């Protein structure tokens, strides 16, 4: 588990290798990542955008950018949490993801960047 707090928003990430969705003999390694975000500010925030940098040890890094997460742009009231699970497929046993969310302060309209902690995606057999 990895956690970081930026601009009063706490982001926690946990990962899981998915053997049932992976095809190791064909160099397809699928991972789920679960994100929990907690708004520790006095104002409501809306998640507007996400930006990911995905490193796959055998390929070029890729950038994924888009509105919201899993088709949503949730509003987090003070002390409220929102969580979701998504996935990433790699062509190697080792990878890493990092990024940031852009939130909009619902009172002031100000946009803030909230960092997502860097986390590793590792095929469990590689750890032996």
Protein backbone atom coordinates (compact mmCIF):
# COMPACT_ATOMS: atom_id res chain seq x y z
CA UNK A 1 0.00 0.00 0.00
CA UNK A 2 1.23 3.47 -0.92
CA UNK A 3 -0.17 6.73 0.46
CA UNK A 4 0.48 10.41 -0.19
CA UNK A 5 -1.34 13.61 0.80
CA UNK A 6 -1.31 16.68 -1.45
CA UNK A 7 -3.38 19.84 -1.00
CA UNK A 8 -5.34 18.14 1.78
CA UNK A 9 -6.36 15.13 -0.32
CA UNK A 10 -5.07 11.75 0.82
CA UNK A 11 -4.57 9.15 -1.92
CA UNK A 12 -3.99 5.48 -1.04
CA UNK A 13 -3.17 2.81 -3.65
CA UNK A 14 -3.15 -0.97 -3.35
CA UNK A 15 -2.34 -3.35 -6.21
CA UNK A 16 -3.07 -6.95 -7.09
CA UNK A 17 -1.71 -9.21 -9.83
CA UNK A 18 -4.57 -10.92 -11.68
CA UNK A 19 -3.49 -14.42 -12.73
CA UNK A 20 -7.01 -15.07 -14.02
CA UNK A 21 -6.76 -12.22 -16.54
CA UNK A 22 -3.08 -12.63 -17.40
CA UNK A 23 -1.49 -14.82 -20.07
CA UNK A 24 2.04 -15.12 -18.78
CA UNK A 25 3.21 -17.37 -21.66
CA UNK A 26 2.16 -14.61 -24.08
CA UNK A 27 3.76 -11.81 -22.02
CA UNK A 28 0.44 -10.34 -20.90
CA UNK A 29 0.45 -9.38 -17.22
CA UNK A 30 -2.73 -7.81 -15.82
CA UNK A 31 -2.88 -5.85 -12.58
CA UNK A 32 -5.68 -4.19 -10.68
CA UNK A 33 -5.07 -1.05 -8.67
CA UNK A 34 -7.48 0.20 -6.05
CA UNK A 35 -7.50 3.91 -5.27
CA UNK A 36 -9.04 5.53 -2.22
CA UNK A 37 -9.16 9.32 -2.02
CA UNK A 38 -10.10 11.27 1.09
CA UNK A 39 -10.91 14.99 1.14
CA UNK A 40 -9.44 16.51 4.32
CA UNK A 41 -10.24 20.08 3.25
CA UNK A 42 -12.97 22.39 4.51
CA UNK A 43 -14.48 22.75 1.01
CA UNK A 44 -16.00 20.23 -1.39
CA UNK A 45 -13.79 19.15 -4.28
CA UNK A 46 -14.73 17.64 -7.63
CA UNK A 47 -12.37 15.27 -9.40
CA UNK A 48 -12.13 16.65 -12.94
CA UNK A 49 -9.21 14.91 -14.65
CA UNK A 50 -6.59 12.19 -14.33
CA UNK A 51 -3.09 11.90 -15.78
CA UNK A 52 -1.10 8.64 -15.62
CA UNK A 53 2.46 7.79 -16.56
CA UNK A 54 2.76 4.02 -17.08
CA UNK A 55 6.19 2.42 -17.26
CA UNK A 56 6.50 -1.10 -18.70
CA UNK A 57 10.08 -2.40 -18.42
CA UNK A 58 10.07 -3.85 -21.96
CA UNK A 59 8.20 -1.08 -23.79
CA UNK A 60 8.04 2.65 -24.13
CA UNK A 61 6.32 4.45 -21.30
CA UNK A 62 2.78 5.54 -22.03
CA UNK A 63 0.68 8.46 -20.87
CA UNK A 64 -3.04 8.16 -20.20
CA UNK A 65 -5.02 11.33 -19.70
CA UNK A 66 -8.74 11.92 -19.49
CA UNK A 67 -11.75 13.25 -17.67
CA UNK A 68 -12.64 11.79 -14.28
CA UNK A 69 -12.12 8.15 -13.32
CA UNK A 70 -14.15 5.10 -14.38
CA UNK A 71 -16.60 7.40 -16.16
CA UNK A 72 -17.25 9.55 -13.09
CA UNK A 73 -16.30 12.99 -11.84
CA UNK A 74 -17.20 12.57 -8.17
CA UNK A 75 -17.66 15.41 -5.69
CA UNK A 76 -16.01 14.77 -2.35
CA UNK A 77 -17.44 16.76 0.53
CA UNK A 78 -15.20 17.53 3.52
CA UNK A 79 -14.00 14.29 5.23
CA UNK A 80 -15.65 12.19 2.51
CA UNK A 81 -13.94 9.36 0.63
CA UNK A 82 -14.32 7.91 -2.84
CA UNK A 83 -12.74 4.71 -4.07
CA UNK A 84 -12.54 2.79 -7.31
CA UNK A 85 -10.70 -0.11 -8.89
CA UNK A 86 -9.19 -0.11 -12.36
CA UNK A 87 -6.59 -2.12 -14.21
CA UNK A 88 -3.46 -2.06 -16.32
CA UNK A 89 -1.97 -4.64 -18.66
CA UNK A 90 1.79 -4.85 -19.16
CA UNK A 91 3.89 -6.87 -21.59
CA UNK A 92 6.59 -7.43 -18.98
CA UNK A 93 6.85 -8.71 -15.43
CA UNK A 94 7.81 -5.31 -14.05
CA UNK A 95 6.11 -1.97 -14.29
CA UNK A 96 5.32 1.19 -12.42
CA UNK A 97 2.61 3.83 -12.45
CA UNK A 98 2.46 7.40 -11.18
CA UNK A 99 0.32 10.39 -11.89
CA UNK A 100 -1.96 13.08 -10.58
CA UNK A 101 -5.59 14.09 -10.36
CA UNK A 102 -6.94 17.55 -11.03
CA UNK A 103 -9.63 18.62 -8.58
CA UNK A 104 -11.83 21.71 -8.67
CA UNK A 105 -12.59 23.51 -5.41
CA UNK A 106 -16.40 23.83 -5.46
CA UNK A 107 -16.36 27.10 -3.50
CA UNK A 108 -13.58 29.02 -5.28
CA UNK A 109 -13.38 27.28 -8.66
CA UNK A 110 -9.62 26.88 -8.17
CA UNK A 111 -8.00 23.83 -9.81
CA UNK A 112 -5.51 21.84 -7.74
CA UNK A 113 -3.19 18.98 -8.65
CA UNK A 114 -3.18 16.02 -6.28
CA UNK A 115 -0.36 13.53 -6.73
CA UNK A 116 -0.89 9.78 -6.89
CA UNK A 117 1.93 7.90 -5.16
CA UNK A 118 4.23 5.94 -7.45
CA UNK A 119 3.44 2.24 -7.21
CA UNK A 120 5.04 -0.89 -8.62
CA UNK A 121 3.34 -3.58 -10.70
CA UNK A 122 5.31 -6.80 -10.22
CA UNK A 123 4.52 -10.33 -11.34
CA UNK A 124 4.72 -12.30 -8.04
CA UNK A 125 6.98 -15.06 -9.46
CA UNK A 126 9.55 -12.36 -10.25
CA UNK A 127 10.00 -11.79 -6.51
CA UNK A 128 11.38 -15.29 -5.89
